[in-house]
């Protein structure tokens, strides 16, 4: 079966492969403008769709919808272990950690490496957005040894 430009999906026409898996997460924020500044200025996200009550940010190849829902925002104490995160390639993790520290970004846990020199060596950074949503940014020296991930 032949594929023509007209039969391609809209994503494919704009250069986004339909074979790419894009993770989507929706989180509550108290102040949409503050959240937008944090995700774009601090983490380097791009803004996608925007309304008065929510906006999408595109971060590390994924979509995060920031929902203006102040009543749903939890205090740091009420969150427990709730967080979301990303696993970055080691050089990107190091560069981001250096940038966050250099700009004086408040961090819950500064860049730290555990298991140095072992197959389970990993780096982690924890920070929170203005609505206390905790973000874990990590890197593994060996994904297969650490979490069993084997890219195809």
N, C-alpha and C. Protein backbone atom coordinates (compact mmCIF):
# COMPACT_ATOMS: atom_id res chain seq x y z
N UNK A 1 0.84 -1.17 0.00
CA UNK A 1 0.00 0.00 0.00
C UNK A 1 0.89 1.23 0.00
N UNK A 2 0.63 2.15 -0.88
CA UNK A 2 1.39 3.38 -1.00
C UNK A 2 0.80 4.45 -0.11
N UNK A 3 1.67 5.27 0.41
CA UNK A 3 1.23 6.38 1.25
C UNK A 3 1.49 7.68 0.52
N UNK A 4 0.51 8.52 0.48
CA UNK A 4 0.69 9.84 -0.13
C UNK A 4 0.72 10.88 0.97
N UNK A 5 1.16 12.08 0.63
CA UNK A 5 1.21 13.17 1.62
C UNK A 5 -0.16 13.44 2.19
N UNK A 6 -1.21 13.28 1.37
CA UNK A 6 -2.56 13.56 1.85
C UNK A 6 -3.04 12.52 2.86
N UNK A 7 -2.52 11.29 2.75
CA UNK A 7 -2.98 10.25 3.66
C UNK A 7 -2.18 10.20 4.96
N UNK A 8 -1.11 10.98 5.03
CA UNK A 8 -0.32 10.99 6.26
C UNK A 8 -1.11 11.65 7.38
N UNK A 9 -0.80 11.20 8.56
CA UNK A 9 -1.43 11.80 9.73
C UNK A 9 -0.89 13.21 9.92
N UNK A 10 -1.68 14.10 10.55
CA UNK A 10 -1.22 15.48 10.74
C UNK A 10 0.13 15.58 11.44
N UNK A 11 0.42 14.71 12.44
CA UNK A 11 1.70 14.76 13.12
C UNK A 11 2.84 14.50 12.15
N UNK A 12 2.65 13.52 11.27
CA UNK A 12 3.70 13.16 10.33
C UNK A 12 3.96 14.30 9.36
N UNK A 13 2.92 15.03 8.99
CA UNK A 13 3.11 16.14 8.07
C UNK A 13 3.93 17.25 8.71
N UNK A 14 3.90 17.36 10.03
CA UNK A 14 4.67 18.41 10.71
C UNK A 14 6.00 17.87 11.23
N UNK A 15 6.39 16.68 10.83
CA UNK A 15 7.67 16.15 11.22
C UNK A 15 7.70 15.44 12.56
N UNK A 16 6.55 15.16 13.17
CA UNK A 16 6.50 14.40 14.42
C UNK A 16 6.01 13.01 14.06
N UNK A 17 6.85 12.05 14.29
CA UNK A 17 6.51 10.68 13.92
C UNK A 17 5.39 10.13 14.78
N UNK A 18 4.46 9.45 14.16
CA UNK A 18 3.38 8.82 14.93
C UNK A 18 3.92 7.62 15.71
N UNK A 19 5.13 7.15 15.38
CA UNK A 19 5.71 6.03 16.09
C UNK A 19 6.32 6.48 17.42
N UNK A 20 6.51 7.75 17.60
CA UNK A 20 7.10 8.30 18.83
C UNK A 20 6.06 8.29 19.93
N UNK A 21 6.42 7.76 21.08
CA UNK A 21 5.52 7.76 22.23
C UNK A 21 5.74 9.05 23.00
N UNK A 22 4.68 9.80 23.21
CA UNK A 22 4.77 11.05 23.95
C UNK A 22 3.95 10.90 25.23
N UNK A 23 4.62 11.05 26.36
CA UNK A 23 3.95 10.92 27.64
C UNK A 23 3.25 12.24 27.95
N UNK A 24 2.04 12.14 28.51
CA UNK A 24 1.25 13.31 28.88
C UNK A 24 0.94 13.24 30.37
N UNK A 25 1.10 14.37 31.04
CA UNK A 25 0.81 14.47 32.46
C UNK A 25 0.06 15.77 32.68
N UNK A 26 -0.98 15.75 33.50
CA UNK A 26 -1.74 16.95 33.84
C UNK A 26 -1.62 17.17 35.34
N UNK A 27 -1.22 18.38 35.74
CA UNK A 27 -1.02 18.66 37.16
C UNK A 27 -1.69 19.98 37.54
N UNK A 28 -2.13 20.08 38.80
CA UNK A 28 -2.75 21.33 39.26
C UNK A 28 -1.69 22.36 39.63
N UNK A 29 -1.98 23.61 39.33
CA UNK A 29 -1.12 24.71 39.76
C UNK A 29 -1.99 25.82 40.33
N UNK A 30 -1.41 26.59 41.25
CA UNK A 30 -2.15 27.70 41.86
C UNK A 30 -2.15 28.93 40.97
N UNK A 31 -1.03 29.19 40.31
CA UNK A 31 -0.86 30.40 39.51
C UNK A 31 -0.29 30.00 38.15
N UNK A 32 -1.10 30.11 37.12
CA UNK A 32 -0.70 29.66 35.79
C UNK A 32 0.49 30.45 35.25
N UNK A 33 0.53 31.75 35.49
CA UNK A 33 1.64 32.57 34.99
C UNK A 33 2.96 32.18 35.67
N UNK A 34 2.92 31.98 36.98
CA UNK A 34 4.13 31.57 37.71
C UNK A 34 4.60 30.20 37.24
N UNK A 35 3.66 29.29 37.03
CA UNK A 35 4.01 27.95 36.55
C UNK A 35 4.63 28.02 35.16
N UNK A 36 4.05 28.82 34.30
CA UNK A 36 4.58 28.99 32.94
C UNK A 36 6.02 29.51 32.99
N UNK A 37 6.27 30.52 33.81
CA UNK A 37 7.63 31.07 33.93
C UNK A 37 8.60 30.01 34.44
N UNK A 38 8.20 29.24 35.42
CA UNK A 38 9.07 28.21 35.97
C UNK A 38 9.42 27.17 34.90
N UNK A 39 8.41 26.61 34.26
CA UNK A 39 8.68 25.53 33.30
C UNK A 39 9.44 26.01 32.07
N UNK A 40 9.21 27.24 31.65
CA UNK A 40 9.93 27.75 30.48
C UNK A 40 11.29 28.31 30.85
N UNK A 41 11.35 29.21 31.84
CA UNK A 41 12.60 29.88 32.18
C UNK A 41 13.58 28.99 32.93
N UNK A 42 13.09 28.18 33.86
CA UNK A 42 13.97 27.35 34.67
C UNK A 42 14.31 26.03 33.98
N UNK A 43 13.29 25.35 33.44
CA UNK A 43 13.51 24.03 32.87
C UNK A 43 13.65 24.01 31.35
N UNK A 44 13.34 25.12 30.69
CA UNK A 44 13.53 25.19 29.24
C UNK A 44 12.40 24.62 28.40
N UNK A 45 11.20 24.53 28.97
CA UNK A 45 10.05 24.01 28.22
C UNK A 45 9.60 25.03 27.16
N UNK A 46 8.90 24.52 26.17
CA UNK A 46 8.22 25.36 25.17
C UNK A 46 6.74 25.34 25.49
N UNK A 47 6.08 26.45 25.23
CA UNK A 47 4.63 26.53 25.47
C UNK A 47 3.89 26.00 24.26
N UNK A 48 2.90 25.16 24.53
CA UNK A 48 2.03 24.64 23.47
C UNK A 48 0.70 25.36 23.52
N UNK A 49 -0.37 24.58 23.53
CA UNK A 49 -1.73 25.17 23.56
C UNK A 49 -1.93 25.93 24.87
N UNK A 50 -2.71 27.00 24.79
CA UNK A 50 -2.94 27.85 25.96
C UNK A 50 -4.40 28.29 26.01
N UNK A 51 -4.99 28.24 27.21
CA UNK A 51 -6.31 28.82 27.44
C UNK A 51 -6.20 29.64 28.73
N UNK A 52 -7.30 30.21 29.17
CA UNK A 52 -7.29 30.96 30.43
C UNK A 52 -7.13 30.04 31.65
N UNK A 53 -7.51 28.77 31.52
CA UNK A 53 -7.51 27.86 32.66
C UNK A 53 -6.43 26.78 32.62
N UNK A 54 -5.75 26.61 31.51
CA UNK A 54 -4.70 25.61 31.41
C UNK A 54 -3.77 25.94 30.26
N UNK A 55 -2.60 25.35 30.32
CA UNK A 55 -1.68 25.46 29.19
C UNK A 55 -0.81 24.23 29.14
N UNK A 56 -0.36 23.92 27.95
CA UNK A 56 0.55 22.79 27.75
C UNK A 56 1.97 23.33 27.67
N UNK A 57 2.88 22.62 28.31
CA UNK A 57 4.29 22.88 28.09
C UNK A 57 4.90 21.60 27.55
N UNK A 58 5.81 21.75 26.63
CA UNK A 58 6.50 20.63 26.01
C UNK A 58 7.89 20.59 26.60
N UNK A 59 8.16 19.53 27.34
CA UNK A 59 9.39 19.45 28.12
C UNK A 59 10.03 18.08 27.93
N UNK A 60 11.27 18.09 27.49
CA UNK A 60 12.02 16.85 27.25
C UNK A 60 11.25 15.88 26.35
N UNK A 61 10.56 16.43 25.37
CA UNK A 61 9.83 15.60 24.41
C UNK A 61 8.46 15.15 24.86
N UNK A 62 7.99 15.64 25.99
CA UNK A 62 6.70 15.21 26.53
C UNK A 62 5.81 16.41 26.81
N UNK A 63 4.54 16.14 27.03
CA UNK A 63 3.54 17.17 27.22
C UNK A 63 3.06 17.19 28.67
N UNK A 64 3.18 18.36 29.30
CA UNK A 64 2.65 18.54 30.64
C UNK A 64 1.58 19.62 30.56
N UNK A 65 0.39 19.28 31.01
CA UNK A 65 -0.70 20.26 31.05
C UNK A 65 -0.77 20.83 32.45
N UNK A 66 -0.63 22.14 32.53
CA UNK A 66 -0.70 22.85 33.80
C UNK A 66 -2.12 23.38 33.93
N UNK A 67 -2.84 22.85 34.91
CA UNK A 67 -4.25 23.19 35.11
C UNK A 67 -4.37 24.20 36.25
N UNK A 68 -5.00 25.35 35.99
CA UNK A 68 -5.24 26.32 37.06
C UNK A 68 -6.32 25.74 37.98
N UNK A 69 -5.87 25.14 39.08
CA UNK A 69 -6.76 24.50 40.05
C UNK A 69 -6.18 24.70 41.44
N UNK A 70 -6.20 25.93 41.96
CA UNK A 70 -5.56 26.21 43.25
C UNK A 70 -6.07 25.34 44.39
N UNK A 71 -7.33 24.97 44.37
CA UNK A 71 -7.89 24.15 45.46
C UNK A 71 -7.29 22.74 45.47
N UNK A 72 -6.74 22.29 44.34
CA UNK A 72 -6.17 20.95 44.24
C UNK A 72 -4.67 20.91 44.54
N UNK A 73 -4.06 22.08 44.73
CA UNK A 73 -2.63 22.13 45.02
C UNK A 73 -2.40 21.73 46.47
N UNK A 74 -1.51 20.77 46.69
CA UNK A 74 -1.22 20.28 48.03
C UNK A 74 -0.02 21.01 48.62
N UNK A 75 0.00 21.12 49.93
CA UNK A 75 1.18 21.64 50.61
C UNK A 75 2.29 20.60 50.47
N UNK A 76 3.54 21.03 50.61
CA UNK A 76 4.63 20.04 50.52
C UNK A 76 4.46 18.90 51.53
N UNK A 77 3.98 19.21 52.72
CA UNK A 77 3.81 18.17 53.75
C UNK A 77 2.73 17.15 53.36
N UNK A 78 1.70 17.59 52.66
CA UNK A 78 0.59 16.71 52.28
C UNK A 78 0.93 15.82 51.08
N UNK A 79 1.99 16.14 50.37
CA UNK A 79 2.31 15.39 49.15
C UNK A 79 2.94 14.04 49.39
N UNK A 80 3.62 13.87 50.50
CA UNK A 80 4.31 12.61 50.72
C UNK A 80 5.36 12.40 49.65
N UNK A 81 5.34 11.25 49.01
CA UNK A 81 6.32 10.90 47.97
C UNK A 81 5.86 11.27 46.56
N UNK A 82 4.69 11.92 46.43
CA UNK A 82 4.17 12.24 45.09
C UNK A 82 5.15 13.14 44.34
N UNK A 83 5.49 12.72 43.13
CA UNK A 83 6.37 13.50 42.27
C UNK A 83 6.29 12.93 40.85
N UNK A 84 6.87 13.66 39.93
CA UNK A 84 7.06 13.13 38.59
C UNK A 84 8.49 13.44 38.19
N UNK A 85 8.96 12.80 37.14
CA UNK A 85 10.34 13.03 36.79
C UNK A 85 10.70 12.59 35.39
N UNK A 86 11.97 12.72 35.11
CA UNK A 86 12.51 12.37 33.82
C UNK A 86 13.89 11.76 34.03
N UNK A 87 14.25 10.87 33.12
CA UNK A 87 15.61 10.32 33.09
C UNK A 87 16.29 10.94 31.87
N UNK A 88 17.34 11.68 32.12
CA UNK A 88 18.08 12.34 31.04
C UNK A 88 19.39 11.60 30.76
N UNK A 89 19.93 11.78 29.57
CA UNK A 89 21.29 11.27 29.34
C UNK A 89 22.25 11.98 30.31
N UNK A 90 23.28 11.28 30.74
CA UNK A 90 24.18 11.79 31.77
C UNK A 90 24.71 13.19 31.46
N UNK A 91 25.23 13.46 30.26
CA UNK A 91 25.75 14.82 30.00
C UNK A 91 24.67 15.91 30.11
N UNK A 92 23.43 15.61 29.70
CA UNK A 92 22.34 16.59 29.84
C UNK A 92 22.01 16.83 31.30
N UNK A 93 22.02 15.74 32.11
CA UNK A 93 21.74 15.87 33.53
C UNK A 93 22.79 16.74 34.21
N UNK A 94 24.06 16.48 33.90
CA UNK A 94 25.13 17.28 34.48
C UNK A 94 25.01 18.75 34.10
N UNK A 95 24.76 19.01 32.82
CA UNK A 95 24.64 20.40 32.35
C UNK A 95 23.46 21.11 33.01
N UNK A 96 22.33 20.41 33.13
CA UNK A 96 21.16 21.01 33.76
C UNK A 96 21.44 21.29 35.23
N UNK A 97 22.05 20.35 35.93
CA UNK A 97 22.39 20.56 37.34
C UNK A 97 23.29 21.77 37.52
N UNK A 98 24.30 21.89 36.68
CA UNK A 98 25.21 23.04 36.75
C UNK A 98 24.45 24.35 36.50
N UNK A 99 23.55 24.33 35.52
CA UNK A 99 22.78 25.54 35.19
C UNK A 99 21.84 25.92 36.33
N UNK A 100 21.15 24.93 36.91
CA UNK A 100 20.23 25.21 38.02
C UNK A 100 20.98 25.80 39.22
N UNK A 101 22.13 25.22 39.54
CA UNK A 101 22.92 25.71 40.67
C UNK A 101 23.46 27.12 40.36
N UNK A 102 23.98 27.32 39.15
CA UNK A 102 24.55 28.62 38.79
C UNK A 102 23.52 29.74 38.83
N UNK A 103 22.29 29.45 38.48
CA UNK A 103 21.27 30.51 38.48
C UNK A 103 20.60 30.66 39.85
N UNK A 104 21.01 29.85 40.81
CA UNK A 104 20.47 29.96 42.16
C UNK A 104 19.06 29.41 42.31
N UNK A 105 18.69 28.46 41.46
CA UNK A 105 17.37 27.85 41.54
C UNK A 105 17.22 27.11 42.87
N UNK A 106 16.14 27.37 43.61
CA UNK A 106 15.94 26.61 44.86
C UNK A 106 15.75 25.12 44.54
N UNK A 107 16.57 24.30 45.17
CA UNK A 107 16.52 22.86 44.95
C UNK A 107 16.16 22.16 46.25
N UNK A 108 15.30 21.17 46.15
CA UNK A 108 15.00 20.35 47.33
C UNK A 108 16.19 19.48 47.67
N UNK A 109 16.83 18.94 46.64
CA UNK A 109 18.07 18.18 46.76
C UNK A 109 18.97 18.59 45.61
N UNK A 110 20.14 19.13 45.90
CA UNK A 110 21.04 19.52 44.81
C UNK A 110 21.56 18.29 44.06
N UNK A 111 22.20 18.50 42.91
CA UNK A 111 22.72 17.36 42.15
C UNK A 111 23.60 16.48 43.04
N UNK A 112 23.25 15.20 43.05
CA UNK A 112 23.99 14.23 43.87
C UNK A 112 24.13 12.93 43.10
N UNK A 113 25.27 12.29 43.26
CA UNK A 113 25.55 11.02 42.59
C UNK A 113 25.68 9.94 43.65
N UNK A 114 25.01 8.81 43.40
CA UNK A 114 25.08 7.63 44.27
C UNK A 114 25.68 6.48 43.49
N UNK A 115 26.35 5.59 44.18
CA UNK A 115 26.88 4.39 43.54
C UNK A 115 28.01 4.66 42.57
N UNK A 116 28.78 5.69 42.83
CA UNK A 116 29.86 6.07 41.92
C UNK A 116 30.76 4.89 41.60
N UNK A 117 31.00 4.70 40.30
CA UNK A 117 31.89 3.64 39.85
C UNK A 117 31.27 2.26 39.76
N UNK A 118 29.97 2.16 40.08
CA UNK A 118 29.28 0.87 40.00
C UNK A 118 28.32 0.88 38.80
N UNK A 119 27.84 -0.28 38.39
CA UNK A 119 26.86 -0.30 37.29
C UNK A 119 25.56 0.44 37.65
N UNK A 120 25.29 0.62 38.93
CA UNK A 120 24.06 1.31 39.36
C UNK A 120 24.30 2.80 39.62
N UNK A 121 25.40 3.36 39.15
CA UNK A 121 25.68 4.78 39.37
C UNK A 121 24.54 5.63 38.80
N UNK A 122 24.07 6.55 39.63
CA UNK A 122 22.97 7.40 39.22
C UNK A 122 23.09 8.78 39.83
N UNK A 123 22.56 9.75 39.10
CA UNK A 123 22.53 11.12 39.58
C UNK A 123 21.09 11.56 39.74
N UNK A 124 20.82 12.38 40.79
CA UNK A 124 19.47 12.85 41.03
C UNK A 124 19.47 14.31 41.45
N UNK A 125 18.43 14.99 41.04
CA UNK A 125 18.14 16.36 41.46
C UNK A 125 16.65 16.40 41.77
N UNK A 126 16.29 17.01 42.88
CA UNK A 126 14.87 17.22 43.20
C UNK A 126 14.63 18.73 43.32
N UNK A 127 13.54 19.17 42.70
CA UNK A 127 13.11 20.55 42.84
C UNK A 127 11.59 20.58 42.77
N UNK A 128 11.02 21.73 43.10
CA UNK A 128 9.57 21.86 43.08
C UNK A 128 9.19 23.10 42.29
N UNK A 129 8.06 23.02 41.60
CA UNK A 129 7.56 24.19 40.89
C UNK A 129 6.88 25.12 41.91
N UNK A 130 6.42 26.29 41.48
CA UNK A 130 5.82 27.23 42.44
C UNK A 130 4.58 26.70 43.17
N UNK A 131 3.96 25.63 42.66
CA UNK A 131 2.80 25.03 43.32
C UNK A 131 3.18 23.78 44.10
N UNK A 132 4.46 23.61 44.35
CA UNK A 132 4.99 22.51 45.17
C UNK A 132 4.95 21.15 44.49
N UNK A 133 4.72 21.10 43.17
CA UNK A 133 4.80 19.83 42.45
C UNK A 133 6.27 19.44 42.37
N UNK A 134 6.61 18.29 42.95
CA UNK A 134 8.00 17.87 43.03
C UNK A 134 8.41 17.19 41.72
N UNK A 135 9.60 17.55 41.26
CA UNK A 135 10.15 17.03 40.01
C UNK A 135 11.49 16.36 40.32
N UNK A 136 11.63 15.12 39.92
CA UNK A 136 12.89 14.39 40.08
C UNK A 136 13.54 14.28 38.71
N UNK A 137 14.74 14.75 38.62
CA UNK A 137 15.50 14.69 37.37
C UNK A 137 16.69 13.80 37.64
N UNK A 138 16.79 12.72 36.88
CA UNK A 138 17.87 11.78 37.16
C UNK A 138 18.55 11.30 35.90
N UNK A 139 19.68 10.65 36.11
CA UNK A 139 20.45 10.05 35.03
C UNK A 139 21.07 8.76 35.56
N UNK A 140 21.20 7.80 34.69
CA UNK A 140 21.84 6.53 35.03
C UNK A 140 23.02 6.32 34.09
N UNK A 141 24.12 5.85 34.63
CA UNK A 141 25.28 5.53 33.78
C UNK A 141 24.96 4.32 32.90
N UNK A 142 24.21 3.37 33.44
CA UNK A 142 23.89 2.13 32.72
C UNK A 142 22.42 1.80 32.97
N UNK A 143 21.56 2.19 32.03
CA UNK A 143 20.12 1.96 32.19
C UNK A 143 19.78 0.48 32.38
N UNK A 144 20.43 -0.39 31.63
CA UNK A 144 20.11 -1.82 31.71
C UNK A 144 20.45 -2.35 33.11
N UNK A 145 21.60 -1.97 33.66
CA UNK A 145 22.00 -2.47 34.97
C UNK A 145 21.16 -1.87 36.10
N UNK A 146 20.71 -0.63 35.91
CA UNK A 146 20.02 0.05 36.99
C UNK A 146 18.52 -0.23 37.02
N UNK A 147 17.87 -0.10 35.88
CA UNK A 147 16.40 -0.28 35.87
C UNK A 147 15.93 -1.36 34.90
N UNK A 148 16.86 -2.05 34.26
CA UNK A 148 16.47 -3.12 33.35
C UNK A 148 16.02 -2.64 31.99
N UNK A 149 16.30 -1.39 31.66
CA UNK A 149 15.89 -0.84 30.36
C UNK A 149 16.93 -1.17 29.32
N UNK A 150 16.47 -1.72 28.21
CA UNK A 150 17.36 -2.04 27.11
C UNK A 150 16.77 -1.45 25.84
N UNK A 151 17.29 -0.29 25.38
CA UNK A 151 16.73 0.31 24.17
C UNK A 151 16.87 -0.62 22.98
N UNK A 152 15.84 -0.64 22.19
CA UNK A 152 15.82 -1.56 21.05
C UNK A 152 16.61 -1.03 19.91
